[in-house]
Amino acid sequence: MKSSESAIGSNHMTLMRALSFPLHMSSVLFIIMSASILALVTRGQGAAILMSILPIYMMMVWLTQFAFTMIDDVANGRREAATATQEMLSPFGDPRCWVHPALAAAIALTLYFFPQVPPTPVLVVAWLLFPASIGAIAVSSRVLDALNPVALWQVIRGMGPYYLLLLAATLLAGVLALWILRSDLWSLPRIALVELVLL
C-alpha cells in the first residue's frame, strides 16, 4: 500500500514539475522573444501578409522544437527547462517539429478547398488523436508514428484513464487560446499568452 502511495506521489510531483516548465525563466524569455517577432511580422496588411508566412512558419517550428525539448527534458528527469538555441530554428534538426504544423495546415486546406467535407467530425477526430500523436512521436522519434494506428493505440492504452484527462486539458487549452486570440489585448501579450498556453 505504501509503495502504491509513493508511486502516486511521485507521479504527482512529476506532473507538477512538467506543468511548471513553461514558467521557468528560459521558457519565459523564449516566449517574450518569439512573441515579439510574431507580433512584429503579423502587423502587415495585404501583400505584406504573404511576406510574413516564412517568419511565422519559422517561429512555429521553433515553438514546436522548444515544446518537444521540454517533453524530452521532463521525461529524462531534468529540473529546469532548456534554453532555446539557434539549432531549434531548423526544421531539419528534429523532424518531429514540422509534423503537426503540417498536419494542421493539411486539415485547414482540405476544409477550405473541399467545403462539402463536414468540419466538425474532422476536428473532433483531430482533437481525439492529437495527444496520442504527440506522444507517439515523442516516444519513438519516428515521424510516421504520428499517424501510425498501432503507435497511437499504444499511447492511448498506456495512459489509460489519464488520456481522458489529457483530452480535457487539450480542449481547455484550445478554448482558452481561442478566447485570448479574440480578446482586445495588444498583439504582443496576446501572442505571448497563447504561446504559454500551448507550451
N, C-alpha and C. Protein backbone atom coordinates (compact mmCIF):
# COMPACT_ATOMS: atom_id res chain seq x y z
N MET A 1 0.83 -1.20 0.00
CA MET A 1 0.00 0.00 0.00
C MET A 1 0.87 1.26 0.00
N LYS A 2 1.94 1.21 0.81
CA LYS A 2 2.83 2.37 0.89
C LYS A 2 3.54 2.62 -0.43
N SER A 3 3.94 1.50 -1.11
CA SER A 3 4.61 1.68 -2.40
C SER A 3 3.67 2.27 -3.43
N SER A 4 2.38 1.90 -3.37
CA SER A 4 1.40 2.47 -4.28
C SER A 4 1.21 3.96 -4.01
N GLU A 5 1.16 4.33 -2.74
CA GLU A 5 1.01 5.75 -2.39
C GLU A 5 2.23 6.56 -2.79
N SER A 6 3.42 5.97 -2.63
CA SER A 6 4.64 6.70 -3.02
C SER A 6 4.72 6.86 -4.53
N ALA A 7 4.23 5.85 -5.29
CA ALA A 7 4.23 5.95 -6.75
C ALA A 7 3.28 7.06 -7.20
N ILE A 8 2.11 7.15 -6.54
CA ILE A 8 1.16 8.21 -6.88
C ILE A 8 1.75 9.58 -6.56
N GLY A 9 2.42 9.67 -5.41
CA GLY A 9 3.06 10.92 -5.03
C GLY A 9 4.16 11.31 -5.99
N SER A 10 4.92 10.31 -6.45
CA SER A 10 6.00 10.57 -7.42
C SER A 10 5.43 11.05 -8.75
N ASN A 11 4.34 10.41 -9.21
CA ASN A 11 3.70 10.83 -10.46
C ASN A 11 3.14 12.24 -10.35
N HIS A 12 2.59 12.56 -9.17
CA HIS A 12 2.04 13.90 -8.94
C HIS A 12 3.15 14.95 -9.01
N MET A 13 4.29 14.65 -8.39
CA MET A 13 5.42 15.58 -8.40
C MET A 13 5.96 15.77 -9.82
N THR A 14 6.03 14.67 -10.59
CA THR A 14 6.50 14.75 -11.97
C THR A 14 5.56 15.62 -12.81
N LEU A 15 4.25 15.45 -12.60
CA LEU A 15 3.26 16.24 -13.33
C LEU A 15 3.40 17.72 -12.98
N MET A 16 3.53 18.02 -11.69
CA MET A 16 3.69 19.42 -11.27
C MET A 16 4.97 20.03 -11.83
N ARG A 17 6.04 19.23 -11.86
CA ARG A 17 7.30 19.72 -12.41
C ARG A 17 7.15 19.98 -13.90
N ALA A 18 6.45 19.09 -14.62
CA ALA A 18 6.24 19.26 -16.06
C ALA A 18 5.42 20.52 -16.34
N LEU A 19 4.36 20.72 -15.54
CA LEU A 19 3.50 21.89 -15.75
C LEU A 19 4.21 23.20 -15.43
N SER A 20 5.26 23.13 -14.61
CA SER A 20 5.98 24.35 -14.25
C SER A 20 7.01 24.76 -15.29
N PHE A 21 7.38 23.85 -16.18
CA PHE A 21 8.44 24.14 -17.16
C PHE A 21 8.17 25.40 -17.99
N PRO A 22 6.95 25.62 -18.50
CA PRO A 22 6.72 26.84 -19.28
C PRO A 22 6.89 28.13 -18.48
N LEU A 23 6.90 28.03 -17.15
CA LEU A 23 7.04 29.21 -16.31
C LEU A 23 8.48 29.46 -15.88
N HIS A 24 9.42 28.56 -16.24
CA HIS A 24 10.83 28.77 -15.92
C HIS A 24 11.35 29.98 -16.71
N MET A 25 12.42 30.59 -16.20
CA MET A 25 12.93 31.82 -16.80
C MET A 25 13.31 31.62 -18.27
N SER A 26 13.96 30.48 -18.60
CA SER A 26 14.36 30.26 -20.00
C SER A 26 13.13 30.18 -20.91
N SER A 27 12.04 29.57 -20.41
CA SER A 27 10.81 29.48 -21.19
C SER A 27 10.17 30.86 -21.36
N VAL A 28 10.13 31.63 -20.28
CA VAL A 28 9.53 32.97 -20.34
C VAL A 28 10.31 33.85 -21.31
N LEU A 29 11.64 33.78 -21.26
CA LEU A 29 12.45 34.58 -22.19
C LEU A 29 12.20 34.16 -23.63
N PHE A 30 12.08 32.85 -23.87
CA PHE A 30 11.78 32.35 -25.21
C PHE A 30 10.43 32.88 -25.69
N ILE A 31 9.42 32.82 -24.81
CA ILE A 31 8.08 33.29 -25.17
C ILE A 31 8.09 34.77 -25.51
N ILE A 32 8.79 35.58 -24.70
CA ILE A 32 8.85 37.02 -24.95
C ILE A 32 9.51 37.30 -26.29
N MET A 33 10.63 36.60 -26.56
CA MET A 33 11.36 36.84 -27.81
C MET A 33 10.55 36.41 -29.03
N SER A 34 10.02 35.18 -29.00
CA SER A 34 9.28 34.68 -30.17
C SER A 34 7.97 35.44 -30.36
N ALA A 35 7.29 35.81 -29.27
CA ALA A 35 6.05 36.57 -29.38
C ALA A 35 6.33 37.96 -29.95
N SER A 36 7.46 38.55 -29.58
CA SER A 36 7.83 39.87 -30.13
C SER A 36 8.03 39.79 -31.63
N ILE A 37 8.71 38.74 -32.08
CA ILE A 37 8.93 38.56 -33.53
C ILE A 37 7.60 38.35 -34.25
N LEU A 38 6.75 37.49 -33.69
CA LEU A 38 5.45 37.23 -34.31
C LEU A 38 4.57 38.47 -34.34
N ALA A 39 4.59 39.25 -33.26
CA ALA A 39 3.80 40.48 -33.22
C ALA A 39 4.29 41.46 -34.28
N LEU A 40 5.59 41.48 -34.50
CA LEU A 40 6.17 42.40 -35.49
C LEU A 40 5.82 41.98 -36.91
N VAL A 41 5.95 40.69 -37.22
CA VAL A 41 5.75 40.24 -38.61
C VAL A 41 4.28 40.10 -38.99
N THR A 42 3.38 40.09 -38.00
CA THR A 42 1.96 39.94 -38.33
C THR A 42 1.22 41.27 -38.34
N ARG A 43 1.96 42.37 -38.32
CA ARG A 43 1.32 43.69 -38.32
C ARG A 43 0.91 44.16 -39.71
N GLY A 44 1.43 43.52 -40.76
CA GLY A 44 1.19 43.99 -42.12
C GLY A 44 -0.21 43.71 -42.61
N GLN A 45 -0.53 44.34 -43.74
CA GLN A 45 -1.82 44.16 -44.40
C GLN A 45 -1.57 43.81 -45.87
N GLY A 46 -2.53 43.16 -46.48
CA GLY A 46 -2.46 42.86 -47.91
C GLY A 46 -1.27 41.98 -48.27
N ALA A 47 -0.46 42.46 -49.22
CA ALA A 47 0.68 41.68 -49.72
C ALA A 47 1.73 41.45 -48.63
N ALA A 48 1.78 42.35 -47.64
CA ALA A 48 2.76 42.20 -46.56
C ALA A 48 2.51 40.93 -45.76
N ILE A 49 1.26 40.46 -45.73
CA ILE A 49 0.95 39.22 -45.02
C ILE A 49 1.67 38.05 -45.65
N LEU A 50 1.76 38.05 -47.00
CA LEU A 50 2.47 36.97 -47.68
C LEU A 50 3.94 36.94 -47.28
N MET A 51 4.52 38.12 -47.07
CA MET A 51 5.92 38.20 -46.66
C MET A 51 6.14 37.65 -45.25
N SER A 52 5.06 37.59 -44.47
CA SER A 52 5.20 37.14 -43.08
C SER A 52 5.03 35.64 -42.92
N ILE A 53 4.65 34.93 -44.00
CA ILE A 53 4.38 33.49 -43.89
C ILE A 53 5.63 32.73 -43.44
N LEU A 54 6.78 33.02 -44.05
CA LEU A 54 8.01 32.30 -43.69
C LEU A 54 8.42 32.57 -42.24
N PRO A 55 8.47 33.85 -41.79
CA PRO A 55 8.82 34.07 -40.38
C PRO A 55 7.85 33.42 -39.41
N ILE A 56 6.56 33.44 -39.75
CA ILE A 56 5.57 32.79 -38.88
C ILE A 56 5.84 31.30 -38.81
N TYR A 57 6.11 30.70 -39.98
CA TYR A 57 6.41 29.27 -40.00
C TYR A 57 7.65 28.96 -39.16
N MET A 58 8.70 29.78 -39.29
CA MET A 58 9.92 29.55 -38.54
C MET A 58 9.67 29.65 -37.04
N MET A 59 8.83 30.60 -36.63
CA MET A 59 8.52 30.74 -35.21
C MET A 59 7.70 29.54 -34.71
N MET A 60 6.79 29.03 -35.56
CA MET A 60 6.02 27.86 -35.17
C MET A 60 6.92 26.63 -35.05
N VAL A 61 7.90 26.52 -35.95
CA VAL A 61 8.88 25.43 -35.86
C VAL A 61 9.66 25.56 -34.56
N TRP A 62 10.09 26.77 -34.26
CA TRP A 62 10.86 27.00 -33.04
C TRP A 62 10.04 26.67 -31.80
N LEU A 63 8.76 27.08 -31.80
CA LEU A 63 7.89 26.79 -30.67
C LEU A 63 7.69 25.29 -30.50
N THR A 64 7.49 24.59 -31.61
CA THR A 64 7.30 23.14 -31.55
C THR A 64 8.57 22.45 -31.09
N GLN A 65 9.72 22.90 -31.60
CA GLN A 65 11.00 22.34 -31.16
C GLN A 65 11.17 22.53 -29.66
N PHE A 66 10.85 23.73 -29.19
CA PHE A 66 11.00 24.03 -27.77
C PHE A 66 10.08 23.14 -26.94
N ALA A 67 8.85 22.93 -27.42
CA ALA A 67 7.89 22.09 -26.71
C ALA A 67 8.39 20.65 -26.62
N PHE A 68 8.90 20.10 -27.74
CA PHE A 68 9.42 18.74 -27.71
C PHE A 68 10.65 18.62 -26.83
N THR A 69 11.48 19.66 -26.80
CA THR A 69 12.63 19.67 -25.90
C THR A 69 12.18 19.60 -24.46
N MET A 70 11.12 20.34 -24.13
CA MET A 70 10.58 20.30 -22.77
C MET A 70 10.03 18.91 -22.44
N ILE A 71 9.33 18.29 -23.39
CA ILE A 71 8.80 16.94 -23.16
C ILE A 71 9.95 15.97 -22.89
N ASP A 72 11.01 16.04 -23.71
CA ASP A 72 12.17 15.17 -23.52
C ASP A 72 12.83 15.43 -22.17
N ASP A 73 12.96 16.71 -21.79
CA ASP A 73 13.62 17.05 -20.53
C ASP A 73 12.84 16.54 -19.33
N VAL A 74 11.51 16.67 -19.37
CA VAL A 74 10.69 16.16 -18.28
C VAL A 74 10.82 14.63 -18.20
N ALA A 75 10.76 13.97 -19.37
CA ALA A 75 10.86 12.51 -19.39
C ALA A 75 12.22 12.03 -18.87
N ASN A 76 13.26 12.82 -19.10
CA ASN A 76 14.61 12.45 -18.66
C ASN A 76 14.94 12.94 -17.25
N GLY A 77 13.95 13.54 -16.58
CA GLY A 77 14.14 13.92 -15.19
C GLY A 77 14.86 15.23 -14.95
N ARG A 78 14.98 16.08 -15.98
CA ARG A 78 15.64 17.37 -15.77
C ARG A 78 14.77 18.27 -14.90
N ARG A 79 15.43 19.14 -14.16
CA ARG A 79 14.72 20.02 -13.22
C ARG A 79 14.43 21.39 -13.81
N GLU A 80 15.14 21.77 -14.87
CA GLU A 80 14.99 23.10 -15.46
C GLU A 80 14.71 22.98 -16.95
N ALA A 81 13.93 23.91 -17.47
CA ALA A 81 13.67 23.95 -18.92
C ALA A 81 14.94 24.38 -19.65
N ALA A 82 15.18 23.78 -20.80
CA ALA A 82 16.37 24.09 -21.59
C ALA A 82 16.24 25.49 -22.19
N THR A 83 17.39 26.06 -22.52
CA THR A 83 17.42 27.36 -23.18
C THR A 83 17.25 27.16 -24.68
N ALA A 84 16.46 28.01 -25.31
CA ALA A 84 16.26 27.93 -26.77
C ALA A 84 17.57 28.21 -27.48
N THR A 85 17.83 27.45 -28.54
CA THR A 85 19.06 27.60 -29.30
C THR A 85 18.75 27.87 -30.76
N GLN A 86 19.77 28.31 -31.51
CA GLN A 86 19.59 28.56 -32.94
C GLN A 86 19.26 27.28 -33.70
N GLU A 87 19.79 26.14 -33.20
CA GLU A 87 19.53 24.88 -33.88
C GLU A 87 18.04 24.55 -33.94
N MET A 88 17.28 25.05 -32.96
CA MET A 88 15.85 24.78 -32.93
C MET A 88 15.11 25.45 -34.08
N LEU A 89 15.72 26.46 -34.70
CA LEU A 89 15.07 27.14 -35.82
C LEU A 89 15.03 26.28 -37.07
N SER A 90 15.88 25.27 -37.14
CA SER A 90 15.94 24.43 -38.34
C SER A 90 14.94 23.29 -38.24
N PRO A 91 14.06 23.13 -39.23
CA PRO A 91 13.13 22.01 -39.21
C PRO A 91 13.81 20.68 -39.49
N PHE A 92 15.09 20.74 -39.89
CA PHE A 92 15.79 19.51 -40.23
C PHE A 92 16.51 18.91 -39.03
N GLY A 93 16.62 19.68 -37.93
CA GLY A 93 17.29 19.15 -36.75
C GLY A 93 16.47 18.07 -36.07
N ASP A 94 15.18 18.28 -35.95
CA ASP A 94 14.27 17.33 -35.31
C ASP A 94 13.03 17.23 -36.17
N PRO A 95 12.87 16.14 -36.89
CA PRO A 95 11.73 16.04 -37.82
C PRO A 95 10.38 16.11 -37.13
N ARG A 96 10.34 15.87 -35.82
CA ARG A 96 9.06 15.92 -35.12
C ARG A 96 8.44 17.32 -35.14
N CYS A 97 9.31 18.34 -35.33
CA CYS A 97 8.83 19.72 -35.16
C CYS A 97 7.91 20.18 -36.29
N TRP A 98 7.97 19.57 -37.47
CA TRP A 98 7.14 20.05 -38.56
C TRP A 98 5.92 19.17 -38.83
N VAL A 99 5.84 18.02 -38.17
CA VAL A 99 4.76 17.08 -38.47
C VAL A 99 3.39 17.66 -38.15
N HIS A 100 3.19 18.13 -36.93
CA HIS A 100 1.86 18.60 -36.54
C HIS A 100 1.48 19.95 -37.14
N PRO A 101 2.43 20.90 -37.29
CA PRO A 101 2.06 22.08 -38.07
C PRO A 101 1.65 21.73 -39.50
N ALA A 102 2.34 20.75 -40.11
CA ALA A 102 1.99 20.33 -41.47
C ALA A 102 0.62 19.65 -41.50
N LEU A 103 0.34 18.81 -40.50
CA LEU A 103 -0.96 18.15 -40.45
C LEU A 103 -2.08 19.17 -40.23
N ALA A 104 -1.83 20.17 -39.38
CA ALA A 104 -2.84 21.22 -39.15
C ALA A 104 -3.10 22.00 -40.43
N ALA A 105 -2.02 22.30 -41.17
CA ALA A 105 -2.19 23.02 -42.44
C ALA A 105 -2.95 22.16 -43.44
N ALA A 106 -2.66 20.85 -43.47
CA ALA A 106 -3.36 19.95 -44.39
C ALA A 106 -4.85 19.89 -44.08
N ILE A 107 -5.20 19.83 -42.79
CA ILE A 107 -6.61 19.81 -42.40
C ILE A 107 -7.29 21.12 -42.80
N ALA A 108 -6.61 22.25 -42.52
CA ALA A 108 -7.19 23.56 -42.86
C ALA A 108 -7.41 23.70 -44.36
N LEU A 109 -6.42 23.28 -45.16
CA LEU A 109 -6.54 23.38 -46.62
C LEU A 109 -7.63 22.45 -47.15
N THR A 110 -7.73 21.25 -46.58
CA THR A 110 -8.76 20.31 -47.00
C THR A 110 -10.15 20.88 -46.75
N LEU A 111 -10.35 21.44 -45.55
CA LEU A 111 -11.66 22.00 -45.22
C LEU A 111 -11.96 23.24 -46.06
N TYR A 112 -10.90 23.97 -46.45
CA TYR A 112 -11.10 25.18 -47.25
C TYR A 112 -11.46 24.85 -48.69
N PHE A 113 -10.70 23.91 -49.30
CA PHE A 113 -10.89 23.60 -50.72
C PHE A 113 -12.00 22.59 -50.96
N PHE A 114 -12.41 21.87 -49.92
CA PHE A 114 -13.49 20.90 -50.07
C PHE A 114 -14.58 21.21 -49.04
N PRO A 115 -15.37 22.25 -49.31
CA PRO A 115 -16.39 22.67 -48.34
C PRO A 115 -17.46 21.61 -48.08
N GLN A 116 -17.54 20.61 -48.96
CA GLN A 116 -18.52 19.55 -48.74
C GLN A 116 -18.13 18.62 -47.59
N VAL A 117 -16.84 18.67 -47.19
CA VAL A 117 -16.39 17.86 -46.05
C VAL A 117 -16.88 18.54 -44.77
N PRO A 118 -17.64 17.82 -43.93
CA PRO A 118 -18.14 18.44 -42.70
C PRO A 118 -16.99 18.69 -41.72
N PRO A 119 -16.80 19.92 -41.27
CA PRO A 119 -15.64 20.23 -40.44
C PRO A 119 -15.70 19.65 -39.02
N THR A 120 -16.90 19.55 -38.45
CA THR A 120 -17.00 19.11 -37.05
C THR A 120 -16.43 17.72 -36.81
N PRO A 121 -16.82 16.69 -37.60
CA PRO A 121 -16.23 15.37 -37.36
C PRO A 121 -14.71 15.34 -37.56
N VAL A 122 -14.22 16.09 -38.55
CA VAL A 122 -12.78 16.13 -38.81
C VAL A 122 -12.05 16.73 -37.61
N LEU A 123 -12.56 17.83 -37.08
CA LEU A 123 -11.93 18.50 -35.94
C LEU A 123 -12.04 17.66 -34.66
N VAL A 124 -13.14 16.95 -34.49
CA VAL A 124 -13.29 16.09 -33.31
C VAL A 124 -12.29 14.95 -33.35
N VAL A 125 -12.14 14.31 -34.51
CA VAL A 125 -11.16 13.22 -34.66
C VAL A 125 -9.75 13.74 -34.43
N ALA A 126 -9.45 14.93 -34.98
CA ALA A 126 -8.12 15.52 -34.78
C ALA A 126 -7.86 15.77 -33.29
N TRP A 127 -8.88 16.28 -32.59
CA TRP A 127 -8.74 16.53 -31.14
C TRP A 127 -8.53 15.23 -30.37
N LEU A 128 -9.28 14.17 -30.73
CA LEU A 128 -9.17 12.90 -30.02
C LEU A 128 -7.81 12.24 -30.22
N LEU A 129 -7.21 12.43 -31.41
CA LEU A 129 -5.95 11.74 -31.72
C LEU A 129 -4.70 12.60 -31.51
N PHE A 130 -4.88 13.92 -31.36
CA PHE A 130 -3.72 14.80 -31.27
C PHE A 130 -2.78 14.46 -30.11
N PRO A 131 -3.28 14.29 -28.87
CA PRO A 131 -2.35 13.95 -27.78
C PRO A 131 -1.63 12.62 -28.02
N ALA A 132 -2.35 11.64 -28.56
CA ALA A 132 -1.72 10.34 -28.84
C ALA A 132 -0.65 10.48 -29.91
N SER A 133 -0.92 11.32 -30.91
CA SER A 133 0.04 11.53 -31.99
C SER A 133 1.31 12.19 -31.47
N ILE A 134 1.14 13.20 -30.61
CA ILE A 134 2.29 13.86 -29.99
C ILE A 134 3.08 12.84 -29.16
N GLY A 135 2.37 12.06 -28.36
CA GLY A 135 3.03 11.07 -27.51
C GLY A 135 3.77 10.00 -28.31
N ALA A 136 3.16 9.57 -29.41
CA ALA A 136 3.76 8.51 -30.21
C ALA A 136 5.11 8.94 -30.79
N ILE A 137 5.18 10.14 -31.36
CA ILE A 137 6.46 10.54 -31.95
C ILE A 137 7.42 11.08 -30.90
N ALA A 138 6.90 11.49 -29.74
CA ALA A 138 7.80 11.89 -28.66
C ALA A 138 8.56 10.67 -28.13
N VAL A 139 7.88 9.53 -28.10
CA VAL A 139 8.50 8.30 -27.59
C VAL A 139 9.45 7.70 -28.61
N SER A 140 9.01 7.59 -29.86
CA SER A 140 9.80 6.86 -30.85
C SER A 140 10.71 7.74 -31.69
N SER A 141 10.39 9.05 -31.79
CA SER A 141 11.10 10.00 -32.67
C SER A 141 10.93 9.65 -34.14
N ARG A 142 9.98 8.78 -34.46
CA ARG A 142 9.70 8.43 -35.86
C ARG A 142 8.51 9.24 -36.35
N VAL A 143 8.70 9.98 -37.43
CA VAL A 143 7.66 10.86 -37.96
C VAL A 143 6.40 10.08 -38.32
N LEU A 144 6.56 8.90 -38.91
CA LEU A 144 5.40 8.12 -39.37
C LEU A 144 4.51 7.67 -38.22
N ASP A 145 5.06 7.63 -37.00
CA ASP A 145 4.23 7.22 -35.85
C ASP A 145 3.18 8.25 -35.50
N ALA A 146 3.30 9.45 -36.05
CA ALA A 146 2.28 10.48 -35.80
C ALA A 146 0.92 10.04 -36.34
N LEU A 147 0.93 9.17 -37.37
CA LEU A 147 -0.32 8.68 -37.96
C LEU A 147 -0.42 7.15 -37.93
N ASN A 148 0.49 6.51 -37.21
CA ASN A 148 0.51 5.04 -37.13
C ASN A 148 -0.55 4.57 -36.13
N PRO A 149 -1.62 3.88 -36.58
CA PRO A 149 -2.69 3.47 -35.66
C PRO A 149 -2.19 2.62 -34.49
N VAL A 150 -1.20 1.76 -34.75
CA VAL A 150 -0.68 0.91 -33.68
C VAL A 150 0.01 1.76 -32.61
N ALA A 151 0.85 2.71 -33.06
CA ALA A 151 1.56 3.59 -32.12
C ALA A 151 0.57 4.47 -31.35
N LEU A 152 -0.45 4.97 -32.04
CA LEU A 152 -1.46 5.80 -31.38
C LEU A 152 -2.20 5.00 -30.31
N TRP A 153 -2.58 3.77 -30.66
CA TRP A 153 -3.30 2.94 -29.70
C TRP A 153 -2.43 2.58 -28.50
N GLN A 154 -1.13 2.35 -28.72
CA GLN A 154 -0.24 2.04 -27.60
C GLN A 154 -0.15 3.19 -26.62
N VAL A 155 -0.12 4.42 -27.14
CA VAL A 155 -0.10 5.60 -26.26
C VAL A 155 -1.40 5.71 -25.47
N ILE A 156 -2.53 5.56 -26.17
CA ILE A 156 -3.84 5.68 -25.51
C ILE A 156 -4.00 4.59 -24.46
N ARG A 157 -3.65 3.36 -24.80
CA ARG A 157 -3.78 2.24 -23.86
C ARG A 157 -2.81 2.42 -22.68
N GLY A 158 -1.60 2.89 -22.97
CA GLY A 158 -0.62 3.07 -21.91
C GLY A 158 -1.02 4.14 -20.91
N MET A 159 -1.70 5.17 -21.37
CA MET A 159 -2.12 6.25 -20.47
C MET A 159 -3.40 5.91 -19.72
N GLY A 160 -4.19 4.99 -20.27
CA GLY A 160 -5.41 4.57 -19.60
C GLY A 160 -6.36 5.74 -19.38
N PRO A 161 -6.95 5.84 -18.17
CA PRO A 161 -7.91 6.91 -17.91
C PRO A 161 -7.27 8.30 -17.92
N TYR A 162 -5.96 8.38 -17.78
CA TYR A 162 -5.30 9.68 -17.83
C TYR A 162 -5.43 10.33 -19.21
N TYR A 163 -5.68 9.50 -20.23
CA TYR A 163 -5.84 10.05 -21.58
C TYR A 163 -7.08 10.94 -21.65
N LEU A 164 -8.14 10.56 -20.93
CA LEU A 164 -9.34 11.39 -20.89
C LEU A 164 -9.04 12.74 -20.24
N LEU A 165 -8.21 12.71 -19.19
CA LEU A 165 -7.81 13.96 -18.54
C LEU A 165 -6.99 14.82 -19.50
N LEU A 166 -6.13 14.17 -20.27
CA LEU A 166 -5.30 14.88 -21.25
C LEU A 166 -6.18 15.50 -22.34
N LEU A 167 -7.20 14.77 -22.78
CA LEU A 167 -8.12 15.32 -23.78
C LEU A 167 -8.85 16.54 -23.23
N ALA A 168 -9.28 16.46 -21.98
CA ALA A 168 -9.97 17.60 -21.37
C ALA A 168 -9.03 18.80 -21.28
N ALA A 169 -7.78 18.55 -20.90
CA ALA A 169 -6.80 19.64 -20.80
C ALA A 169 -6.52 20.25 -22.17
N THR A 170 -6.45 19.41 -23.19
CA THR A 170 -6.22 19.89 -24.55
C THR A 170 -7.38 20.76 -25.03
N LEU A 171 -8.59 20.30 -24.76
CA LEU A 171 -9.77 21.07 -25.14
C LEU A 171 -9.80 22.42 -24.39
N LEU A 172 -9.50 22.37 -23.10
CA LEU A 172 -9.48 23.60 -22.31
C LEU A 172 -8.42 24.58 -22.84
N ALA A 173 -7.25 24.05 -23.18
CA ALA A 173 -6.17 24.90 -23.71
C ALA A 173 -6.59 25.52 -25.04
N GLY A 174 -7.25 24.73 -25.89
CA GLY A 174 -7.70 25.24 -27.18
C GLY A 174 -8.73 26.35 -27.03
N VAL A 175 -9.70 26.15 -26.13
CA VAL A 175 -10.73 27.16 -25.89
C VAL A 175 -10.10 28.42 -25.30
N LEU A 176 -9.17 28.24 -24.36
CA LEU A 176 -8.51 29.38 -23.73
C LEU A 176 -7.68 30.16 -24.75
N ALA A 177 -6.94 29.43 -25.62
CA ALA A 177 -6.14 30.10 -26.65
C ALA A 177 -7.03 30.87 -27.61
N LEU A 178 -8.16 30.29 -28.00
CA LEU A 178 -9.09 30.98 -28.91
C LEU A 178 -9.66 32.23 -28.25
N TRP A 179 -9.99 32.14 -26.97
CA TRP A 179 -10.52 33.29 -26.25
C TRP A 179 -9.48 34.41 -26.17
N ILE A 180 -8.22 34.02 -25.92
CA ILE A 180 -7.15 35.02 -25.85
C ILE A 180 -6.96 35.69 -27.21
N LEU A 181 -6.97 34.89 -28.29
CA LEU A 181 -6.77 35.45 -29.63
C LEU A 181 -7.88 36.43 -30.00
N ARG A 182 -9.08 36.20 -29.49
CA ARG A 182 -10.21 37.07 -29.82
C ARG A 182 -10.37 38.24 -28.85
N SER A 183 -9.47 38.31 -27.87
CA SER A 183 -9.56 39.38 -26.87
C SER A 183 -9.05 40.69 -27.44
N ASP A 184 -9.21 41.75 -26.67
CA ASP A 184 -8.78 43.08 -27.09
C ASP A 184 -7.36 43.43 -26.63
N LEU A 185 -6.63 42.42 -26.17
CA LEU A 185 -5.26 42.69 -25.73
C LEU A 185 -4.39 43.13 -26.90
N TRP A 186 -3.31 43.85 -26.60
CA TRP A 186 -2.32 44.18 -27.62
C TRP A 186 -1.76 42.89 -28.18
N SER A 187 -1.23 42.95 -29.40
CA SER A 187 -0.78 41.73 -30.07
C SER A 187 0.32 41.00 -29.31
N LEU A 188 1.27 41.74 -28.72
CA LEU A 188 2.38 41.07 -28.03
C LEU A 188 1.92 40.25 -26.84
N PRO A 189 1.18 40.82 -25.87
CA PRO A 189 0.73 39.96 -24.76
C PRO A 189 -0.24 38.88 -25.20
N ARG A 190 -1.02 39.16 -26.25
CA ARG A 190 -1.97 38.14 -26.76
C ARG A 190 -1.21 36.93 -27.29
N ILE A 191 -0.19 37.17 -28.12
CA ILE A 191 0.59 36.07 -28.69
C ILE A 191 1.38 35.36 -27.61
N ALA A 192 1.95 36.13 -26.68
CA ALA A 192 2.74 35.53 -25.59
C ALA A 192 1.88 34.61 -24.73
N LEU A 193 0.66 35.03 -24.41
CA LEU A 193 -0.23 34.20 -23.60
C LEU A 193 -0.64 32.93 -24.34
N VAL A 194 -0.88 33.04 -25.64
CA VAL A 194 -1.23 31.85 -26.44
C VAL A 194 -0.06 30.87 -26.45
N GLU A 195 1.17 31.39 -26.63
CA GLU A 195 2.34 30.51 -26.60
C GLU A 195 2.47 29.82 -25.26
N LEU A 196 2.23 30.56 -24.17
CA LEU A 196 2.31 29.97 -22.84
C LEU A 196 1.30 28.85 -22.68
N VAL A 197 0.08 29.09 -23.16
CA VAL A 197 -0.97 28.05 -23.09
C VAL A 197 -0.55 26.83 -23.92
N LEU A 198 -0.01 27.05 -25.11
CA LEU A 198 0.41 25.93 -25.97
C LEU A 198 1.53 25.13 -25.32
N LEU A 199 2.51 25.81 -24.74
CA LEU A 199 3.61 25.09 -24.08
C LEU A 199 3.10 24.34 -22.85
